N, C-alpha and C. Protein backbone atom coordinates (compact mmCIF):
# COMPACT_ATOMS: atom_id res chain seq x y z
N MET A 1 0.82 -1.19 0.00
CA MET A 1 0.00 0.00 0.00
C MET A 1 0.86 1.26 0.00
N CYS A 2 1.89 1.19 -0.78
CA CYS A 2 2.79 2.34 -0.86
C CYS A 2 2.41 3.23 -2.03
N PRO A 3 2.65 4.55 -1.91
CA PRO A 3 2.38 5.43 -3.03
C PRO A 3 3.17 4.99 -4.26
N GLY A 4 2.53 5.03 -5.38
CA GLY A 4 3.19 4.65 -6.62
C GLY A 4 3.03 3.18 -6.98
N CYS A 5 2.52 2.38 -6.05
CA CYS A 5 2.31 0.97 -6.32
C CYS A 5 1.21 0.84 -7.37
N PRO A 6 1.40 0.00 -8.39
CA PRO A 6 0.37 -0.11 -9.43
C PRO A 6 -0.95 -0.69 -8.92
N THR A 7 -0.96 -1.34 -7.77
CA THR A 7 -2.20 -1.90 -7.25
C THR A 7 -2.92 -0.94 -6.30
N GLU A 8 -2.33 0.22 -6.05
CA GLU A 8 -2.95 1.15 -5.09
C GLU A 8 -4.34 1.59 -5.50
N ALA A 9 -4.64 1.58 -6.78
CA ALA A 9 -5.97 1.98 -7.25
C ALA A 9 -7.06 1.04 -6.76
N PHE A 10 -6.67 -0.15 -6.32
CA PHE A 10 -7.64 -1.15 -5.88
C PHE A 10 -7.82 -1.20 -4.37
N HIS A 11 -7.03 -0.42 -3.63
CA HIS A 11 -7.13 -0.41 -2.17
C HIS A 11 -8.11 0.67 -1.72
N THR A 12 -8.92 0.33 -0.74
CA THR A 12 -9.86 1.29 -0.18
C THR A 12 -9.28 1.87 1.11
N LEU A 13 -9.92 2.90 1.64
CA LEU A 13 -9.48 3.44 2.93
C LEU A 13 -9.64 2.40 4.03
N THR A 14 -10.64 1.55 3.90
CA THR A 14 -10.81 0.46 4.87
C THR A 14 -9.61 -0.48 4.82
N ASP A 15 -9.13 -0.80 3.62
CA ASP A 15 -7.95 -1.65 3.46
C ASP A 15 -6.73 -1.01 4.12
N ILE A 16 -6.57 0.28 3.91
CA ILE A 16 -5.42 0.99 4.47
C ILE A 16 -5.48 1.01 5.98
N ALA A 17 -6.65 1.31 6.53
CA ALA A 17 -6.80 1.33 7.99
C ALA A 17 -6.48 -0.04 8.58
N ARG A 18 -6.98 -1.08 7.94
CA ARG A 18 -6.72 -2.44 8.43
C ARG A 18 -5.23 -2.78 8.34
N GLU A 19 -4.60 -2.45 7.22
CA GLU A 19 -3.19 -2.77 7.02
C GLU A 19 -2.28 -2.09 8.05
N TYR A 20 -2.62 -0.84 8.39
CA TYR A 20 -1.78 -0.08 9.31
C TYR A 20 -2.35 0.00 10.73
N ASN A 21 -3.34 -0.85 11.02
CA ASN A 21 -3.96 -0.91 12.35
C ASN A 21 -4.44 0.46 12.82
N LEU A 22 -5.16 1.15 11.94
CA LEU A 22 -5.72 2.46 12.26
C LEU A 22 -7.21 2.34 12.46
N ASP A 23 -7.76 3.20 13.27
CA ASP A 23 -9.20 3.28 13.43
C ASP A 23 -9.75 4.05 12.23
N LEU A 24 -10.64 3.40 11.46
CA LEU A 24 -11.13 4.00 10.22
C LEU A 24 -11.83 5.33 10.47
N SER A 25 -12.67 5.41 11.48
CA SER A 25 -13.39 6.67 11.73
C SER A 25 -12.43 7.79 12.10
N GLN A 26 -11.38 7.48 12.85
CA GLN A 26 -10.40 8.50 13.21
C GLN A 26 -9.60 8.93 11.97
N LEU A 27 -9.26 7.97 11.13
CA LEU A 27 -8.55 8.28 9.89
C LEU A 27 -9.39 9.22 9.02
N LEU A 28 -10.67 8.90 8.86
CA LEU A 28 -11.56 9.75 8.06
C LEU A 28 -11.71 11.14 8.66
N HIS A 29 -11.83 11.20 9.98
CA HIS A 29 -11.95 12.49 10.66
C HIS A 29 -10.70 13.34 10.43
N ARG A 30 -9.54 12.73 10.55
CA ARG A 30 -8.28 13.48 10.37
C ARG A 30 -8.13 13.94 8.92
N MET A 31 -8.51 13.09 7.97
CA MET A 31 -8.42 13.48 6.56
C MET A 31 -9.37 14.64 6.27
N ASP A 32 -10.58 14.56 6.81
CA ASP A 32 -11.56 15.62 6.62
C ASP A 32 -11.04 16.94 7.20
N LYS A 33 -10.40 16.88 8.34
CA LYS A 33 -9.85 18.08 8.97
C LYS A 33 -8.77 18.71 8.09
N VAL A 34 -7.90 17.89 7.54
CA VAL A 34 -6.84 18.41 6.67
C VAL A 34 -7.45 19.07 5.44
N ILE A 35 -8.46 18.44 4.87
CA ILE A 35 -9.11 19.00 3.69
C ILE A 35 -9.78 20.34 4.03
N ARG A 36 -10.50 20.38 5.15
CA ARG A 36 -11.16 21.63 5.55
C ARG A 36 -10.16 22.74 5.84
N ASP A 37 -9.04 22.38 6.47
CA ASP A 37 -8.03 23.39 6.82
C ASP A 37 -7.33 23.93 5.57
N LYS A 38 -7.32 23.19 4.48
CA LYS A 38 -6.63 23.60 3.26
C LYS A 38 -7.51 24.41 2.31
N LYS A 39 -8.80 24.46 2.58
CA LYS A 39 -9.71 25.20 1.70
C LYS A 39 -9.40 26.69 1.74
N ALA A 40 -9.55 27.29 0.59
CA ALA A 40 -9.33 28.75 0.50
C ALA A 40 -10.49 29.47 1.21
N PRO A 41 -10.20 30.61 1.82
CA PRO A 41 -11.25 31.37 2.52
C PRO A 41 -12.31 31.91 1.59
């Protein structure tokens, strides 16, 4: 599940959370926060 891997297009966020032992809801929350913080005013 590394960037640039040709199979990355087939991995879901659920797959990534499971692979790296992350809580999916926390991962989604953190991603949402980064996206919101990057939006232009």
